[in-house]
Amino acid sequence: MSIIAKNRIALQASAASKTDAIRQAGELLVRSGCVLPPYVDGMLARENSMSTSLGNGVAIPHGVYENIGHVLQTGISVLQLTTPVEWDEDDQVSLIIGIAAAGDEHVNVLANLADVIENEDNLAQLFTTTDPDVIIKFLGT
């Protein structure tokens, strides 16, 4: 089973702030049955303790250890913004990849994401596509 599905992808979206972007990425995970609602608060708590920005316009918010019980199934959500939001000082993010993983599955999820976003051509397509199948092609496992 793929870790991503069309109902976890929002393309050409907008967010008022980093917090809003994290909430939207988290809500995609909630609505698609990956996590329970309290997991979104864990995503925000993680961000308050340590930035999840990878640089190059990408962030990977995920919950804290205390929220592991709120994960129903491993999955990722993708929020692609038409206008970047300030993530950290001098750090603009346009692609938010929310992660929910049970157990140590997040290690494989993160490794796959790192491979995909290292390639500038892949990243350019992820930033601009209007086709959710492109997101699934690059980020699905």
C-alpha atoms as a PDB file:
ATOM      1  CA  MET A   1       0.000   0.000   0.000  1.00  0.00           C
ATOM      2  CA  SER A   2       1.316   3.436  -0.936  1.00  0.00           C
ATOM      3  CA  ILE A   3       2.030   5.935   1.807  1.00  0.00           C
ATOM      4  CA  ILE A   4       0.368   8.666  -0.243  1.00  0.00           C
ATOM      5  CA  ALA A   5      -3.017   9.010  -1.903  1.00  0.00           C
ATOM      6  CA  LYS A   6      -4.802  11.754  -3.821  1.00  0.00           C
ATOM      7  CA  ASN A   7      -6.940  12.597  -0.796  1.00  0.00           C
ATOM      8  CA  ARG A   8      -3.745  13.557   1.072  1.00  0.00           C
ATOM      9  CA  ILE A   9      -2.554  16.018  -1.579  1.00  0.00           C
ATOM     10  CA  ALA A  10      -3.487  19.706  -1.837  1.00  0.00           C
ATOM     11  CA  LEU A  11      -2.026  21.467  -4.879  1.00  0.00           C
ATOM     12  CA  GLN A  12      -1.876  25.204  -5.550  1.00  0.00           C
ATOM     13  CA  ALA A  13      -2.950  25.889  -1.986  1.00  0.00           C
ATOM     14  CA  SER A  14      -2.357  28.931   0.174  1.00  0.00           C
ATOM     15  CA  ALA A  15      -1.427  29.309   3.815  1.00  0.00           C
ATOM     16  CA  ALA A  16      -1.332  32.401   5.987  1.00  0.00           C
ATOM     17  CA  SER A  17       1.635  31.200   8.050  1.00  0.00           C
ATOM     18  CA  LYS A  18       3.848  28.274   8.960  1.00  0.00           C
ATOM     19  CA  THR A  19       1.340  27.261  11.643  1.00  0.00           C
ATOM     20  CA  ASP A  20      -1.502  27.367   9.128  1.00  0.00           C
ATOM     21  CA  ALA A  21       0.505  25.258   6.659  1.00  0.00           C
ATOM     22  CA  ILE A  22       1.276  22.642   9.324  1.00  0.00           C
ATOM     23  CA  ARG A  23      -2.387  22.518  10.353  1.00  0.00           C
ATOM     24  CA  GLN A  24      -3.472  22.036   6.727  1.00  0.00           C
ATOM     25  CA  ALA A  25      -0.922  19.242   6.158  1.00  0.00           C
ATOM     26  CA  GLY A  26      -2.072  17.634   9.408  1.00  0.00           C
ATOM     27  CA  GLU A  27      -5.749  17.912   8.508  1.00  0.00           C
ATOM     28  CA  LEU A  28      -5.084  16.038   5.264  1.00  0.00           C
ATOM     29  CA  LEU A  29      -3.706  13.206   7.406  1.00  0.00           C
ATOM     30  CA  VAL A  30      -6.706  13.365   9.760  1.00  0.00           C
ATOM     31  CA  ARG A  31      -9.354  13.420   7.015  1.00  0.00           C
ATOM     32  CA  SER A  32      -7.736  10.496   5.200  1.00  0.00           C
ATOM     33  CA  GLY A  33      -7.671   8.305   8.320  1.00  0.00           C
ATOM     34  CA  CYS A  34      -3.919   8.277   8.983  1.00  0.00           C
ATOM     35  CA  VAL A  35      -4.044  10.046  12.345  1.00  0.00           C
ATOM     36  CA  LEU A  36      -6.394  11.185  15.073  1.00  0.00           C
ATOM     37  CA  PRO A  37      -6.894  14.964  15.467  1.00  0.00           C
ATOM     38  CA  PRO A  38      -4.520  15.381  18.475  1.00  0.00           C
ATOM     39  CA  TYR A  39      -1.631  14.376  16.181  1.00  0.00           C
ATOM     40  CA  VAL A  40      -1.825  17.815  14.528  1.00  0.00           C
ATOM     41  CA  ASP A  41      -1.057  19.462  17.882  1.00  0.00           C
ATOM     42  CA  GLY A  42       1.957  17.157  18.123  1.00  0.00           C
ATOM     43  CA  MET A  43       3.129  18.382  14.713  1.00  0.00           C
ATOM     44  CA  LEU A  44       2.968  21.962  15.990  1.00  0.00           C
ATOM     45  CA  ALA A  45       4.747  20.994  19.225  1.00  0.00           C
ATOM     46  CA  ARG A  46       7.558  19.362  17.223  1.00  0.00           C
ATOM     47  CA  GLU A  47       7.954  22.521  15.170  1.00  0.00           C
ATOM     48  CA  ASN A  48       8.160  24.641  18.323  1.00  0.00           C
ATOM     49  CA  SER A  49      11.026  22.533  19.642  1.00  0.00           C
ATOM     50  CA  MET A  50      12.897  21.984  16.360  1.00  0.00           C
ATOM     51  CA  SER A  51      12.414  23.255  12.813  1.00  0.00           C
ATOM     52  CA  THR A  52      11.360  20.658  10.267  1.00  0.00           C
ATOM     53  CA  SER A  53      12.588  22.677   7.296  1.00  0.00           C
ATOM     54  CA  LEU A  54      14.971  20.764   5.050  1.00  0.00           C
ATOM     55  CA  GLY A  55      15.948  23.861   3.103  1.00  0.00           C
ATOM     56  CA  ASN A  56      15.328  24.259  -0.633  1.00  0.00           C
ATOM     57  CA  GLY A  57      11.714  25.224   0.057  1.00  0.00           C
ATOM     58  CA  VAL A  58      10.684  21.931   1.697  1.00  0.00           C
ATOM     59  CA  ALA A  59       9.525  21.139   5.239  1.00  0.00           C
ATOM     60  CA  ILE A  60       8.509  17.805   6.757  1.00  0.00           C
ATOM     61  CA  PRO A  61       6.381  18.439   9.844  1.00  0.00           C
ATOM     62  CA  HIS A  62       5.626  15.372  11.937  1.00  0.00           C
ATOM     63  CA  GLY A  63       4.405  14.607  15.444  1.00  0.00           C
ATOM     64  CA  VAL A  64       6.312  14.141  18.657  1.00  0.00           C
ATOM     65  CA  TYR A  65       6.933  10.763  20.266  1.00  0.00           C
ATOM     66  CA  GLU A  66       4.064  11.338  22.701  1.00  0.00           C
ATOM     67  CA  ASN A  67       1.657  11.359  19.726  1.00  0.00           C
ATOM     68  CA  ILE A  68       2.637   7.938  18.367  1.00  0.00           C
ATOM     69  CA  GLY A  69      -0.621   6.530  19.737  1.00  0.00           C
ATOM     70  CA  HIS A  70      -2.539   8.923  17.488  1.00  0.00           C
ATOM     71  CA  VAL A  71      -1.108   7.349  14.322  1.00  0.00           C
ATOM     72  CA  LEU A  72      -3.605   4.949  12.756  1.00  0.00           C
ATOM     73  CA  GLN A  73      -1.548   4.152   9.654  1.00  0.00           C
ATOM     74  CA  THR A  74       1.677   5.355   8.088  1.00  0.00           C
ATOM     75  CA  GLY A  75       1.147   8.032   5.492  1.00  0.00           C
ATOM     76  CA  ILE A  76       2.290  11.351   4.141  1.00  0.00           C
ATOM     77  CA  SER A  77       0.375  14.421   3.068  1.00  0.00           C
ATOM     78  CA  VAL A  78       1.547  17.042   0.614  1.00  0.00           C
ATOM     79  CA  LEU A  79       0.627  20.706   0.701  1.00  0.00           C
ATOM     80  CA  GLN A  80       1.985  22.627  -2.283  1.00  0.00           C
ATOM     81  CA  LEU A  81       1.765  26.403  -1.846  1.00  0.00           C
ATOM     82  CA  THR A  82       1.529  28.913  -4.688  1.00  0.00           C
ATOM     83  CA  THR A  83       3.151  31.526  -2.440  1.00  0.00           C
ATOM     84  CA  PRO A  84       5.810  30.368   0.041  1.00  0.00           C
ATOM     85  CA  VAL A  85       5.428  30.958   3.762  1.00  0.00           C
ATOM     86  CA  GLU A  86       8.254  32.047   6.052  1.00  0.00           C
ATOM     87  CA  TRP A  87       9.291  28.940   7.957  1.00  0.00           C
ATOM     88  CA  ASP A  88      12.304  30.230   9.794  1.00  0.00           C
ATOM     89  CA  GLU A  89      14.181  33.495   9.441  1.00  0.00           C
ATOM     90  CA  ASP A  90      15.293  33.769   5.803  1.00  0.00           C
ATOM     91  CA  ASP A  91      13.712  30.396   4.999  1.00  0.00           C
ATOM     92  CA  GLN A  92      10.729  30.247   2.650  1.00  0.00           C
ATOM     93  CA  VAL A  93       8.816  26.976   2.228  1.00  0.00           C
ATOM     94  CA  SER A  94       6.510  26.038  -0.642  1.00  0.00           C
ATOM     95  CA  LEU A  95       6.210  22.272  -0.199  1.00  0.00           C
ATOM     96  CA  ILE A  96       5.032  20.858   3.112  1.00  0.00           C
ATOM     97  CA  ILE A  97       5.164  17.082   3.487  1.00  0.00           C
ATOM     98  CA  GLY A  98       3.338  15.966   6.610  1.00  0.00           C
ATOM     99  CA  ILE A  99       4.484  12.636   7.981  1.00  0.00           C
ATOM    100  CA  ALA A 100       2.656  10.145  10.171  1.00  0.00           C
ATOM    101  CA  ALA A 101       4.496   6.917  10.892  1.00  0.00           C
ATOM    102  CA  ALA A 102       3.863   4.082  13.288  1.00  0.00           C
ATOM    103  CA  GLY A 103       6.943   2.665  14.975  1.00  0.00           C
ATOM    104  CA  ASP A 104      10.228   3.157  13.139  1.00  0.00           C
ATOM    105  CA  GLU A 105       8.590   3.343   9.722  1.00  0.00           C
ATOM    106  CA  HIS A 106       9.370   7.050   9.578  1.00  0.00           C
ATOM    107  CA  VAL A 107      13.045   6.264   8.947  1.00  0.00           C
ATOM    108  CA  ASN A 108      12.218   4.718   5.567  1.00  0.00           C
ATOM    109  CA  VAL A 109       9.762   7.506   4.789  1.00  0.00           C
ATOM    110  CA  LEU A 110      12.418  10.154   5.481  1.00  0.00           C
ATOM    111  CA  ALA A 111      15.078   8.325   3.458  1.00  0.00           C
ATOM    112  CA  ASN A 112      12.774   8.143   0.438  1.00  0.00           C
ATOM    113  CA  LEU A 113      11.878  11.824   0.746  1.00  0.00           C
ATOM    114  CA  ALA A 114      15.541  12.815   0.994  1.00  0.00           C
ATOM    115  CA  ASP A 115      16.362  10.924  -2.206  1.00  0.00           C
ATOM    116  CA  VAL A 116      13.533  12.569  -4.125  1.00  0.00           C
ATOM    117  CA  ILE A 117      14.128  16.150  -3.029  1.00  0.00           C
ATOM    118  CA  GLU A 118      17.897  16.020  -3.593  1.00  0.00           C
ATOM    119  CA  ASN A 119      17.207  16.071  -7.336  1.00  0.00           C
ATOM    120  CA  GLU A 120      16.497  19.649  -8.489  1.00  0.00           C
ATOM    121  CA  ASP A 121      14.439  18.511 -11.482  1.00  0.00           C
ATOM    122  CA  ASN A 122      12.219  16.380  -9.234  1.00  0.00           C
ATOM    123  CA  LEU A 123      11.843  19.266  -6.821  1.00  0.00           C
ATOM    124  CA  ALA A 124      10.900  21.701  -9.594  1.00  0.00           C
ATOM    125  CA  GLN A 125       8.129  19.340 -10.712  1.00  0.00           C
ATOM    126  CA  LEU A 126       6.883  18.911  -7.135  1.00  0.00           C
ATOM    127  CA  PHE A 127       6.725  22.707  -6.696  1.00  0.00           C
ATOM    128  CA  THR A 128       4.782  23.368  -9.896  1.00  0.00           C
ATOM    129  CA  THR A 129       2.686  20.346 -10.841  1.00  0.00           C
ATOM    130  CA  THR A 130      -1.074  20.581 -11.016  1.00  0.00           C
ATOM    131  CA  ASP A 131      -1.369  16.794 -11.304  1.00  0.00           C
ATOM    132  CA  PRO A 132      -1.556  14.775  -8.065  1.00  0.00           C
ATOM    133  CA  ASP A 133      -0.283  11.720  -9.975  1.00  0.00           C
ATOM    134  CA  VAL A 134       3.100  13.473 -10.321  1.00  0.00           C
ATOM    135  CA  ILE A 135       3.285  13.810  -6.533  1.00  0.00           C
ATOM    136  CA  ILE A 136       2.352  10.161  -6.120  1.00  0.00           C
ATOM    137  CA  LYS A 137       4.963   9.099  -8.703  1.00  0.00           C
ATOM    138  CA  PHE A 138       7.754  10.819  -6.797  1.00  0.00           C
ATOM    139  CA  LEU A 139       6.690  10.299  -3.200  1.00  0.00           C
ATOM    140  CA  GLY A 140       4.740   7.026  -3.226  1.00  0.00           C
ATOM    141  CA  THR A 141       6.514   3.829  -2.211  1.00  0.00           C
END
